């Protein structure tokens, strides 16, 4: 077997992991974010000044926000069930230290603190939850696309062949979900001064970089005979094409249907697609080709997974538009965000119940087809992931109320606190905006970060025999790869450069 075929076999014929393990893995990112925030507040409490050095800020963010995620999907994967508990206990210890060492004059009964916390008003111009969700999905995806080629990355985390719930299966859907959260229709920028026709034309123009990236990836992969998992998207198709066509189709649908009814469009799309899969030969065509033997003759046959899964991804996108509209409602108090968390968690619970019914009576989860169960699964975990980030940010808000003047980059700014004076209210939002922060750095150039990760993944695979790598070498390569990607984003952010020209 050639080295190319050996690598293709290494990521093929897999069955995924359990829903519980994926849920535990997703809890790590919010916990790491909470840990970073609590450490910064503790530093302010003792040093009375933030980390002013950019290199120390980058190092802290990388060690606390990125490195644990790399370790959790490699050497710590056998004990993943205890890792979130350890990080949560560490966070609880830091919070306890902050709570016990706050100023004596600021000490009030805990019940009164909670009441003040609920009455606190937040800056509604910036919702850090959405930024954190999109950035961490990008980071987790970047880690996985390279780590999957190393033996230390558990095979159960890789994409399932036909049916199953792998970590990377979720990442594809979550990427679509994250893009829809900030689409122009959600941010309402396209409808303020333009007609629907001009807004739609602008949307068509805005997706051309994705087409070029898709063509570029196709040509580069074919020219160097890079290993491919054909049943993932097909012979010529790739994820950049999927992103482009889903965005294009969603813009058309949102120009026809009211955007606040996008969840109805999503339900109809997913249900109709599943009905066609179950009542026609479409499912057999996707899995086995037109001749029943895996034929790849003809464009449709060659790319059947990528083309037909567009219906499922479009349903996810439309449902995500509804979530984005819900999150961007005029909601500026802590109490209203607590209610939003409850709603997100209840919706996620309902979706998990529907997922059980769908998998039992309709069809198991299949990323390859993007069927109804897959759509429900992705939405359920995404809502839970969002809810965890809201809880994380609200916890940091409560902590900042304990330590006046503390600032955590990319977290909610306190606009008004019930126990602050008029003068303090005007000073509530820290000077300097987002500050020096890896999250805001990646957020400014998300597409570039994803593209750079893809290019670096290809380069590493060309230079290194990843399949036979030892553990220490693997960890070194993955950390260097992620640090280089983060460093580029950090440098661009520090120079206020946004590489977006469309």
Protein backbone atom coordinates (compact mmCIF):
# COMPACT_ATOMS: atom_id res chain seq x y z
CA UNK A 1 0.00 0.00 0.00
CA UNK A 2 1.37 3.43 -0.98
CA UNK A 3 1.86 6.13 1.63
CA UNK A 4 -1.08 8.08 0.18
CA UNK A 5 -3.43 5.09 0.42
CA UNK A 6 -2.12 4.33 3.91
CA UNK A 7 -3.08 7.83 5.08
CA UNK A 8 -6.50 7.57 3.42
CA UNK A 9 -7.14 4.25 5.17
CA UNK A 10 -6.05 5.82 8.47
CA UNK A 11 -9.05 8.22 8.41
CA UNK A 12 -11.59 5.88 6.77
CA UNK A 13 -14.19 3.35 7.98
CA UNK A 14 -14.65 4.94 11.42
CA UNK A 15 -17.78 5.02 13.61
CA UNK A 16 -17.48 8.08 15.88
CA UNK A 17 -17.88 8.37 19.63
CA UNK A 18 -20.66 8.92 22.18
CA UNK A 19 -22.77 12.06 22.61
CA UNK A 20 -21.62 12.28 26.24
CA UNK A 21 -17.94 12.37 25.33
CA UNK A 22 -18.55 15.13 22.78
CA UNK A 23 -20.51 17.14 25.35
CA UNK A 24 -17.67 16.80 27.88
CA UNK A 25 -15.11 17.78 25.26
CA UNK A 26 -17.09 20.88 24.31
CA UNK A 27 -17.21 21.98 27.96
CA UNK A 28 -13.42 22.43 27.97
CA UNK A 29 -13.36 25.61 25.85
CA UNK A 30 -15.75 27.58 28.13
CA UNK A 31 -13.89 26.29 31.20
CA UNK A 32 -10.55 27.39 29.74
CA UNK A 33 -12.05 30.80 28.95
CA UNK A 34 -13.33 31.07 32.52
CA UNK A 35 -9.94 30.06 33.89
CA UNK A 36 -8.19 32.73 31.79
CA UNK A 37 -10.64 35.39 32.99
CA UNK A 38 -10.32 34.46 36.67
CA UNK A 39 -6.52 34.47 36.43
CA UNK A 40 -6.61 38.00 34.96
CA UNK A 41 -8.93 39.21 37.73
CA UNK A 42 -6.69 37.60 40.36
CA UNK A 43 -3.67 39.27 38.75
CA UNK A 44 -5.48 42.65 38.91
CA UNK A 45 -6.34 42.03 42.56
CA UNK A 46 -2.71 41.49 43.51
CA UNK A 47 -0.78 43.52 40.91
CA UNK A 48 -3.31 46.33 40.41
CA UNK A 49 -2.41 46.44 36.70
CA UNK A 50 -3.17 44.22 33.71
CA UNK A 51 -0.59 42.25 31.74
CA UNK A 52 0.89 45.06 29.69
CA UNK A 53 3.44 43.01 27.76
CA UNK A 54 2.06 41.62 24.51
CA UNK A 55 4.29 38.55 24.58
CA UNK A 56 3.11 37.62 28.07
CA UNK A 57 -0.50 38.17 27.02
CA UNK A 58 -0.07 35.89 23.98
CA UNK A 59 1.72 33.27 26.09
CA UNK A 60 -1.01 33.25 28.75
CA UNK A 61 -3.80 33.01 26.17
CA UNK A 62 -2.06 30.22 24.28
CA UNK A 63 -1.22 28.18 27.39
CA UNK A 64 -4.69 28.53 28.93
CA UNK A 65 -6.99 28.69 25.88
CA UNK A 66 -5.28 26.56 23.22
CA UNK A 67 -2.83 24.11 24.79
CA UNK A 68 -5.45 22.31 26.96
CA UNK A 69 -7.55 21.72 23.83
CA UNK A 70 -4.57 20.18 22.04
CA UNK A 71 -3.84 17.91 25.01
CA UNK A 72 -7.49 16.92 25.47
CA UNK A 73 -7.73 15.44 21.97
CA UNK A 74 -4.42 13.60 22.20
CA UNK A 75 -2.73 12.36 25.39
CA UNK A 76 -5.59 13.32 27.73
CA UNK A 77 -8.32 11.70 25.63
CA UNK A 78 -8.29 8.44 27.69
CA UNK A 79 -9.09 10.47 30.84
CA UNK A 80 -11.27 13.11 29.19
CA UNK A 81 -14.09 12.43 31.63
CA UNK A 82 -12.07 13.88 34.54
CA UNK A 83 -10.37 16.79 32.73
CA UNK A 84 -13.38 19.18 32.87
CA UNK A 85 -13.81 18.38 36.57
CA UNK A 86 -10.15 19.23 37.26
CA UNK A 87 -10.33 22.54 35.38
CA UNK A 88 -13.66 23.39 37.06
CA UNK A 89 -12.13 22.67 40.49
CA UNK A 90 -9.15 24.89 39.64
CA UNK A 91 -11.53 27.69 38.59
CA UNK A 92 -13.50 27.26 41.81
CA UNK A 93 -10.27 27.59 43.79
CA UNK A 94 -9.32 30.81 42.01
CA UNK A 95 -12.82 32.25 42.49
CA UNK A 96 -12.74 31.36 46.18
CA UNK A 97 -9.41 33.16 46.56
CA UNK A 98 -10.76 36.25 44.77
CA UNK A 99 -13.93 36.23 46.88
CA UNK A 100 -12.01 35.96 50.16
CA UNK A 101 -9.41 38.62 49.29
CA UNK A 102 -11.64 41.37 47.91
CA UNK A 103 -11.57 44.74 49.68
CA UNK A 104 -13.09 44.80 53.15
CA UNK A 105 -15.25 47.83 52.39
CA UNK A 106 -16.62 46.04 49.37
CA UNK A 107 -17.72 43.03 51.39
CA UNK A 108 -21.49 42.66 51.46
CA UNK A 109 -23.65 39.60 52.16
CA UNK A 110 -23.61 37.04 49.39
CA UNK A 111 -27.39 37.27 48.90
CA UNK A 112 -27.11 41.02 48.35
CA UNK A 113 -24.26 40.44 45.90
CA UNK A 114 -26.46 38.10 43.88
CA UNK A 115 -29.26 40.68 43.82
CA UNK A 116 -26.83 43.38 42.65
CA UNK A 117 -25.53 40.96 40.04
CA UNK A 118 -29.00 40.32 38.60
CA UNK A 119 -29.68 44.06 38.39
CA UNK A 120 -26.40 44.80 36.61
CA UNK A 121 -26.58 46.23 33.08
CA UNK A 122 -24.20 45.11 30.35
CA UNK A 123 -22.91 46.68 27.16
CA UNK A 124 -25.40 45.47 24.53
CA UNK A 125 -23.27 46.65 21.60
CA UNK A 126 -20.91 43.67 21.93
CA UNK A 127 -22.00 40.13 22.76
CA UNK A 128 -18.84 38.14 23.60
CA UNK A 129 -20.69 34.82 23.52
CA UNK A 130 -20.97 34.87 19.72
CA UNK A 131 -17.32 35.81 19.27
CA UNK A 132 -16.12 33.09 21.67
CA UNK A 133 -18.29 30.44 19.99
CA UNK A 134 -17.02 31.21 16.49
CA UNK A 135 -13.37 31.54 17.52
CA UNK A 136 -13.26 28.32 19.51
CA UNK A 137 -15.01 26.35 16.76
CA UNK A 138 -12.30 27.66 14.43
CA UNK A 139 -9.54 26.75 16.89
CA UNK A 140 -10.93 23.26 17.55
CA UNK A 141 -11.31 22.66 13.81
CA UNK A 142 -7.75 23.81 13.14
CA UNK A 143 -6.40 21.46 15.81
CA UNK A 144 -8.40 18.49 14.54
CA UNK A 145 -7.59 18.77 10.82
CA UNK A 146 -3.90 18.20 11.58
CA UNK A 147 -4.16 16.07 14.73
CA UNK A 148 -6.36 13.51 12.94
CA UNK A 149 -3.33 12.44 10.86
CA UNK A 150 -1.41 11.46 14.01
CA UNK A 151 -1.98 8.17 15.90
CA UNK A 152 -2.37 10.03 19.22
CA UNK A 153 -5.67 11.49 17.98
CA UNK A 154 -8.32 8.86 18.84
CA UNK A 155 -9.92 7.31 15.76
CA UNK A 156 -13.34 7.69 17.40
CA UNK A 157 -12.94 11.50 17.19
CA UNK A 158 -12.42 11.47 13.42
CA UNK A 159 -15.23 11.72 10.88
CA UNK A 160 -17.47 8.68 10.77
CA UNK A 161 -17.64 6.83 7.46
CA UNK A 162 -21.43 6.62 7.10
CA UNK A 163 -23.24 6.72 10.45
CA UNK A 164 -21.86 7.98 13.76
CA UNK A 165 -21.07 11.06 15.82
CA UNK A 166 -17.39 11.93 15.58
CA UNK A 167 -15.95 15.14 16.97
CA UNK A 168 -14.98 16.25 13.46
CA UNK A 169 -18.48 15.45 12.20
CA UNK A 170 -19.81 18.00 14.67
CA UNK A 171 -17.14 20.54 13.71
CA UNK A 172 -18.38 20.76 10.12
CA UNK A 173 -21.95 21.55 11.16
CA UNK A 174 -20.82 23.90 13.92
CA UNK A 175 -18.79 25.88 11.39
CA UNK A 176 -21.95 26.41 9.34
CA UNK A 177 -23.84 27.35 12.52
CA UNK A 178 -21.19 29.91 13.51
CA UNK A 179 -21.23 31.58 10.08
CA UNK A 180 -25.00 31.97 10.19
CA UNK A 181 -24.88 33.67 13.61
CA UNK A 182 -23.21 36.74 12.12
CA UNK A 183 -24.61 36.76 8.58
CA UNK A 184 -25.79 40.18 7.28
CA UNK A 185 -29.45 39.17 7.60
CA UNK A 186 -28.94 38.60 11.34
CA UNK A 187 -26.95 41.78 11.84
CA UNK A 188 -29.64 43.61 9.80
CA UNK A 189 -27.03 45.57 7.87
CA UNK A 190 -28.33 44.62 4.45
CA UNK A 191 -31.86 45.85 5.00
CA UNK A 192 -31.26 49.30 6.45
CA UNK A 193 -30.39 51.28 3.33
CA UNK A 194 -30.62 48.79 0.47
CA UNK A 195 -33.40 47.01 -1.35
CA UNK A 196 -33.62 43.24 -1.15
CA UNK A 197 -32.30 42.96 -4.70
CA UNK A 198 -29.19 45.05 -4.06
CA UNK A 199 -28.58 43.23 -0.76
CA UNK A 200 -28.85 39.89 -2.53
CA UNK A 201 -26.42 41.03 -5.24
CA UNK A 202 -23.97 42.09 -2.53
CA UNK A 203 -24.29 38.65 -0.93
CA UNK A 204 -23.49 36.97 -4.25
CA UNK A 205 -20.38 39.11 -4.58
CA UNK A 206 -19.25 38.47 -1.00
CA UNK A 207 -18.89 34.70 -1.45
CA UNK A 208 -16.40 34.79 -4.35
CA UNK A 209 -13.38 34.24 -2.04
CA UNK A 210 -14.89 30.92 -0.94
CA UNK A 211 -15.22 29.78 -4.57
CA UNK A 212 -11.61 30.73 -5.28
CA UNK A 213 -10.42 28.98 -2.11
CA UNK A 214 -12.38 25.88 -3.11
CA UNK A 215 -10.86 25.89 -6.60
CA UNK A 216 -7.41 26.54 -5.13
CA UNK A 217 -7.72 23.61 -2.74
CA UNK A 218 -8.98 21.34 -5.51
CA UNK A 219 -6.10 22.20 -7.85
CA UNK A 220 -3.42 21.94 -5.15
CA UNK A 221 -4.71 18.61 -3.79
CA UNK A 222 -4.88 17.04 -7.26
CA UNK A 223 -1.54 18.42 -8.42
CA UNK A 224 0.48 17.06 -5.48
CA UNK A 225 -1.60 13.88 -5.12
CA UNK A 226 -2.46 14.74 -1.52
CA UNK A 227 -4.38 12.06 0.38
CA UNK A 228 -8.19 12.49 0.34
CA UNK A 229 -11.14 10.83 2.04
CA UNK A 230 -13.36 10.62 -1.05
CA UNK A 231 -16.57 9.68 0.78
CA UNK A 232 -16.31 12.91 2.81
CA UNK A 233 -17.41 15.31 0.05
CA UNK A 234 -16.59 13.53 -3.19
CA UNK A 235 -13.84 13.66 -5.81
CA UNK A 236 -13.88 17.38 -6.67
CA UNK A 237 -15.99 18.93 -3.90
CA UNK A 238 -14.65 20.39 -0.64
CA UNK A 239 -15.84 22.33 2.39
CA UNK A 240 -15.15 25.75 0.83
CA UNK A 241 -17.64 24.98 -1.94
CA UNK A 242 -20.17 23.84 0.69
CA UNK A 243 -19.77 27.12 2.62
CA UNK A 244 -20.22 29.16 -0.56
CA UNK A 245 -23.30 27.35 -1.88
CA UNK A 246 -25.01 27.24 1.52
CA UNK A 247 -24.47 30.98 1.96
CA UNK A 248 -25.76 31.61 -1.57
CA UNK A 249 -28.88 29.45 -1.15
CA UNK A 250 -29.61 30.91 2.29
CA UNK A 251 -29.44 34.46 0.91
CA UNK A 252 -32.01 33.51 -1.74
CA UNK A 253 -34.34 31.94 0.84
CA UNK A 254 -34.00 34.88 3.23
CA UNK A 255 -34.87 37.25 0.37
CA UNK A 256 -38.10 35.30 -0.18
CA UNK A 257 -39.17 34.32 3.34
CA UNK A 258 -39.23 36.52 6.48
CA UNK A 259 -36.01 36.03 8.38
CA UNK A 260 -37.86 35.70 11.70
CA UNK A 261 -39.53 32.59 10.24
CA UNK A 262 -36.26 30.97 9.18
CA UNK A 263 -36.76 28.18 11.75
CA UNK A 264 -39.90 27.09 9.88
CA UNK A 265 -37.94 26.98 6.62
CA UNK A 266 -35.24 24.93 8.40
CA UNK A 267 -37.75 22.38 9.72
CA UNK A 268 -39.39 21.98 6.32
CA UNK A 269 -36.05 21.61 4.55
CA UNK A 270 -34.69 18.97 6.94
CA UNK A 271 -37.97 17.03 7.13
CA UNK A 272 -38.55 17.05 3.35
CA UNK A 273 -34.95 15.99 2.65
CA UNK A 274 -35.24 13.12 5.15
CA UNK A 275 -38.58 12.07 3.65
CA UNK A 276 -36.98 11.89 0.20
CA UNK A 277 -34.05 9.90 1.61
CA UNK A 278 -36.41 7.36 3.18
CA UNK A 279 -38.97 7.03 0.38
CA UNK A 280 -36.75 7.06 -2.70
CA UNK A 281 -33.45 5.52 -3.78
CA UNK A 282 -31.57 8.74 -2.94
CA UNK A 283 -30.00 7.28 0.21
CA UNK A 284 -28.64 4.27 -1.70
CA UNK A 285 -27.35 6.62 -4.40
CA UNK A 286 -25.41 8.71 -1.84
CA UNK A 287 -23.93 5.65 -0.15
CA UNK A 288 -23.28 3.39 -3.13
CA UNK A 289 -23.52 5.45 -6.32
CA UNK A 290 -25.76 5.01 -9.33
CA UNK A 291 -24.56 1.45 -10.04
CA UNK A 292 -24.69 0.28 -6.42
CA UNK A 293 -20.94 -0.38 -6.43
CA UNK A 294 -19.56 3.01 -5.41
CA UNK A 295 -19.32 4.43 -8.94
CA UNK A 296 -17.63 7.83 -9.33
CA UNK A 297 -18.33 8.23 -13.06
CA UNK A 298 -19.89 11.60 -13.92
CA UNK A 299 -19.90 14.84 -11.90
CA UNK A 300 -22.99 13.99 -9.80
CA UNK A 301 -21.72 10.49 -9.02
CA UNK A 302 -18.24 11.78 -8.23
CA UNK A 303 -19.47 14.46 -5.80
CA UNK A 304 -22.78 13.07 -4.57
CA UNK A 305 -21.97 13.48 -0.84
CA UNK A 306 -20.95 17.12 -1.20
CA UNK A 307 -23.82 18.11 -3.47
CA UNK A 308 -26.71 16.36 -1.71
CA UNK A 309 -25.58 17.15 1.84
CA UNK A 310 -26.10 20.83 0.96
CA UNK A 311 -29.80 20.43 1.86
CA UNK A 312 -28.96 19.38 5.42
CA UNK A 313 -26.35 22.10 5.88
CA UNK A 314 -28.78 24.67 4.51
CA UNK A 315 -31.34 23.58 7.13
CA UNK A 316 -28.70 24.04 9.86
CA UNK A 317 -27.84 27.50 8.49
CA UNK A 318 -31.47 28.64 8.42
CA UNK A 319 -32.07 27.41 11.98
CA UNK A 320 -28.89 29.19 13.07
CA UNK A 321 -30.16 32.47 11.61
CA UNK A 322 -33.09 32.20 14.03
CA UNK A 323 -30.66 31.61 16.93
CA UNK A 324 -28.63 34.63 15.87
CA UNK A 325 -31.72 36.84 15.82
CA UNK A 326 -32.63 35.60 19.30
CA UNK A 327 -29.16 36.36 20.70
CA UNK A 328 -29.08 39.86 19.17
CA UNK A 329 -32.38 40.91 20.73
CA UNK A 330 -32.18 44.09 22.78
CA UNK A 331 -31.15 42.41 26.02
CA UNK A 332 -28.83 44.33 28.33
CA UNK A 333 -29.37 43.10 31.90
CA UNK A 334 -27.86 40.08 33.61
CA UNK A 335 -31.33 38.88 34.56
CA UNK A 336 -32.46 38.81 30.92
CA UNK A 337 -29.35 36.84 29.93
CA UNK A 338 -30.00 34.30 32.69
CA UNK A 339 -33.44 33.81 31.16
CA UNK A 340 -31.78 33.41 27.75
CA UNK A 341 -29.49 30.69 29.14
CA UNK A 342 -32.49 28.80 30.51
CA UNK A 343 -34.21 29.04 27.13
CA UNK A 344 -31.11 27.81 25.26
CA UNK A 345 -30.67 24.86 27.61
CA UNK A 346 -34.36 23.90 27.47
CA UNK A 347 -34.29 24.07 23.67
CA UNK A 348 -31.12 21.95 23.60
CA UNK A 349 -32.76 19.39 25.92
CA UNK A 350 -35.82 19.23 23.66
CA UNK A 351 -33.57 18.73 20.63
CA UNK A 352 -31.70 15.89 22.36
CA UNK A 353 -35.05 14.19 23.04
CA UNK A 354 -36.01 14.67 19.38
CA UNK A 355 -32.61 13.28 18.41
CA UNK A 356 -33.29 10.10 20.39
CA UNK A 357 -36.65 9.70 18.62
CA UNK A 358 -35.13 10.46 15.21
CA UNK A 359 -32.28 7.99 15.64
CA UNK A 360 -34.62 5.28 16.91
CA UNK A 361 -37.43 5.60 14.38
CA UNK A 362 -36.04 7.53 11.39
CA UNK A 363 -32.30 7.29 10.74
CA UNK A 364 -29.03 7.41 12.75
CA UNK A 365 -26.82 10.50 12.57
CA UNK A 366 -24.97 10.70 9.25
CA UNK A 367 -22.70 13.61 8.39
CA UNK A 368 -22.14 12.04 4.98
CA UNK A 369 -25.81 12.63 4.10
CA UNK A 370 -26.43 15.53 6.52
CA UNK A 371 -29.75 13.89 7.36
CA UNK A 372 -32.43 14.99 9.84
CA UNK A 373 -30.72 13.35 12.84
CA UNK A 374 -27.44 15.08 11.95
CA UNK A 375 -29.14 18.49 11.77
CA UNK A 376 -30.84 17.98 15.15
CA UNK A 377 -27.60 16.74 16.73
CA UNK A 378 -25.53 19.71 15.51
CA UNK A 379 -28.14 22.25 16.64
CA UNK A 380 -28.51 20.64 20.07
CA UNK A 381 -24.79 20.66 20.80
CA UNK A 382 -24.33 24.17 19.38
CA UNK A 383 -27.05 25.57 21.63
CA UNK A 384 -25.48 23.84 24.63
CA UNK A 385 -22.06 25.20 23.64
CA UNK A 386 -23.51 28.73 23.40
CA UNK A 387 -25.23 28.35 26.78
CA UNK A 388 -21.94 27.35 28.42
CA UNK A 389 -20.26 30.47 27.03
CA UNK A 390 -23.08 32.66 28.37
CA UNK A 391 -22.67 31.07 31.82
CA UNK A 392 -18.90 31.63 31.59
CA UNK A 393 -19.29 35.32 30.75
CA UNK A 394 -21.90 35.89 33.43
CA UNK A 395 -19.58 34.28 35.98
CA UNK A 396 -16.83 36.68 34.92
CA UNK A 397 -19.26 39.60 35.26
CA UNK A 398 -20.02 38.50 38.83
CA UNK A 399 -16.29 38.22 39.55
CA UNK A 400 -15.60 41.70 38.16
CA UNK A 401 -18.28 43.07 40.47
CA UNK A 402 -16.23 41.72 43.38
CA UNK A 403 -13.02 43.41 42.16
CA UNK A 404 -13.68 46.93 40.94
CA UNK A 405 -11.61 47.98 37.94
CA UNK A 406 -10.84 44.44 36.82
CA UNK A 407 -11.00 43.95 33.07
CA UNK A 408 -11.07 40.74 31.06
CA UNK A 409 -10.65 41.10 27.26
CA UNK A 410 -13.51 39.76 25.14
CA UNK A 411 -15.94 39.58 28.03
CA UNK A 412 -18.98 41.69 28.82
CA UNK A 413 -18.35 45.27 29.88
CA UNK A 414 -20.39 46.40 32.89
CA UNK A 415 -22.31 49.52 31.90
CA UNK A 416 -24.13 50.04 35.20
CA UNK A 417 -23.95 48.32 38.55
CA UNK A 418 -26.58 48.94 41.28
CA UNK A 419 -23.99 49.71 43.95
CA UNK A 420 -21.81 52.12 41.94
CA UNK A 421 -21.87 55.88 42.08
CA UNK A 422 -22.72 58.11 39.11
CA UNK A 423 -19.03 58.80 38.55
CA UNK A 424 -18.19 55.10 38.56
CA UNK A 425 -21.00 54.38 36.10
CA UNK A 426 -19.41 56.64 33.52
CA UNK A 427 -16.11 54.82 34.04
CA UNK A 428 -17.63 51.37 33.93
CA UNK A 429 -16.48 50.52 30.43
CA UNK A 430 -12.67 50.18 30.50
CA UNK A 431 -10.57 52.32 28.25
CA UNK A 432 -8.85 50.41 25.48
CA UNK A 433 -11.77 48.38 24.15
CA UNK A 434 -10.99 44.73 23.64
CA UNK A 435 -7.36 45.05 24.68
CA UNK A 436 -4.65 42.58 23.72
CA UNK A 437 -6.42 39.28 23.31
CA UNK A 438 -5.91 36.15 21.22
CA UNK A 439 -9.68 35.69 20.84
CA UNK A 440 -10.18 39.12 19.28
CA UNK A 441 -7.05 38.56 17.15
CA UNK A 442 -8.44 35.36 15.61
CA UNK A 443 -11.91 36.90 15.35
CA UNK A 444 -10.61 39.73 13.17
CA UNK A 445 -9.22 37.33 10.56
CA UNK A 446 -11.20 34.12 10.96
CA UNK A 447 -11.19 33.05 7.32
CA UNK A 448 -7.45 33.72 7.08
CA UNK A 449 -6.87 31.66 10.25
CA UNK A 450 -8.82 28.74 8.79
CA UNK A 451 -7.01 29.03 5.45
CA UNK A 452 -3.61 29.24 7.14
CA UNK A 453 -4.44 26.14 9.20
CA UNK A 454 -5.32 24.25 6.01
CA UNK A 455 -2.09 25.29 4.29
CA UNK A 456 0.02 24.42 7.35
CA UNK A 457 -1.74 21.05 7.66
CA UNK A 458 -0.82 20.23 4.08
CA UNK A 459 2.78 21.34 4.60
CA UNK A 460 3.20 19.23 7.76
CA UNK A 461 1.75 16.17 6.03
CA UNK A 462 4.11 16.64 3.09
CA UNK A 463 7.18 16.90 5.32
CA UNK A 464 6.42 14.45 8.13
CA UNK A 465 5.40 10.81 8.37
CA UNK A 466 2.54 11.60 10.75
CA UNK A 467 1.17 8.05 11.05
CA UNK A 468 4.31 6.71 12.75
CA UNK A 469 5.06 9.74 14.95
CA UNK A 470 5.88 9.33 18.63
CA UNK A 471 3.85 11.09 21.32
CA UNK A 472 6.41 13.74 22.32
CA UNK A 473 7.06 14.61 18.67
CA UNK A 474 3.33 14.81 17.91
CA UNK A 475 2.65 17.17 20.80
CA UNK A 476 5.58 19.37 19.79
CA UNK A 477 4.40 19.59 16.18
CA UNK A 478 0.79 20.35 17.13
CA UNK A 479 1.80 23.04 19.62
CA UNK A 480 4.24 24.66 17.16
CA UNK A 481 1.60 24.54 14.41
CA UNK A 482 -1.07 26.18 16.57
CA UNK A 483 1.35 28.70 18.08
CA UNK A 484 2.52 29.79 14.62
CA UNK A 485 -1.08 30.25 13.43
CA UNK A 486 -1.99 32.18 16.59
CA UNK A 487 1.18 34.30 16.39
CA UNK A 488 0.34 35.42 12.85
CA UNK A 489 -3.17 36.44 13.97
CA UNK A 490 -1.73 38.19 17.03
CA UNK A 491 0.73 40.21 14.94
CA UNK A 492 -1.99 41.26 12.48
CA UNK A 493 -4.24 42.24 15.39
CA UNK A 494 -1.53 44.28 17.09
CA UNK A 495 -1.02 46.21 13.84
CA UNK A 496 -4.81 46.50 13.35
CA UNK A 497 -4.68 44.69 9.99
CA UNK A 498 -7.83 42.96 8.75
CA UNK A 499 -7.21 40.99 5.55
CA UNK A 500 -10.69 41.23 4.11
CA UNK A 501 -10.93 42.76 0.64
CA UNK A 502 -14.40 41.68 -0.54
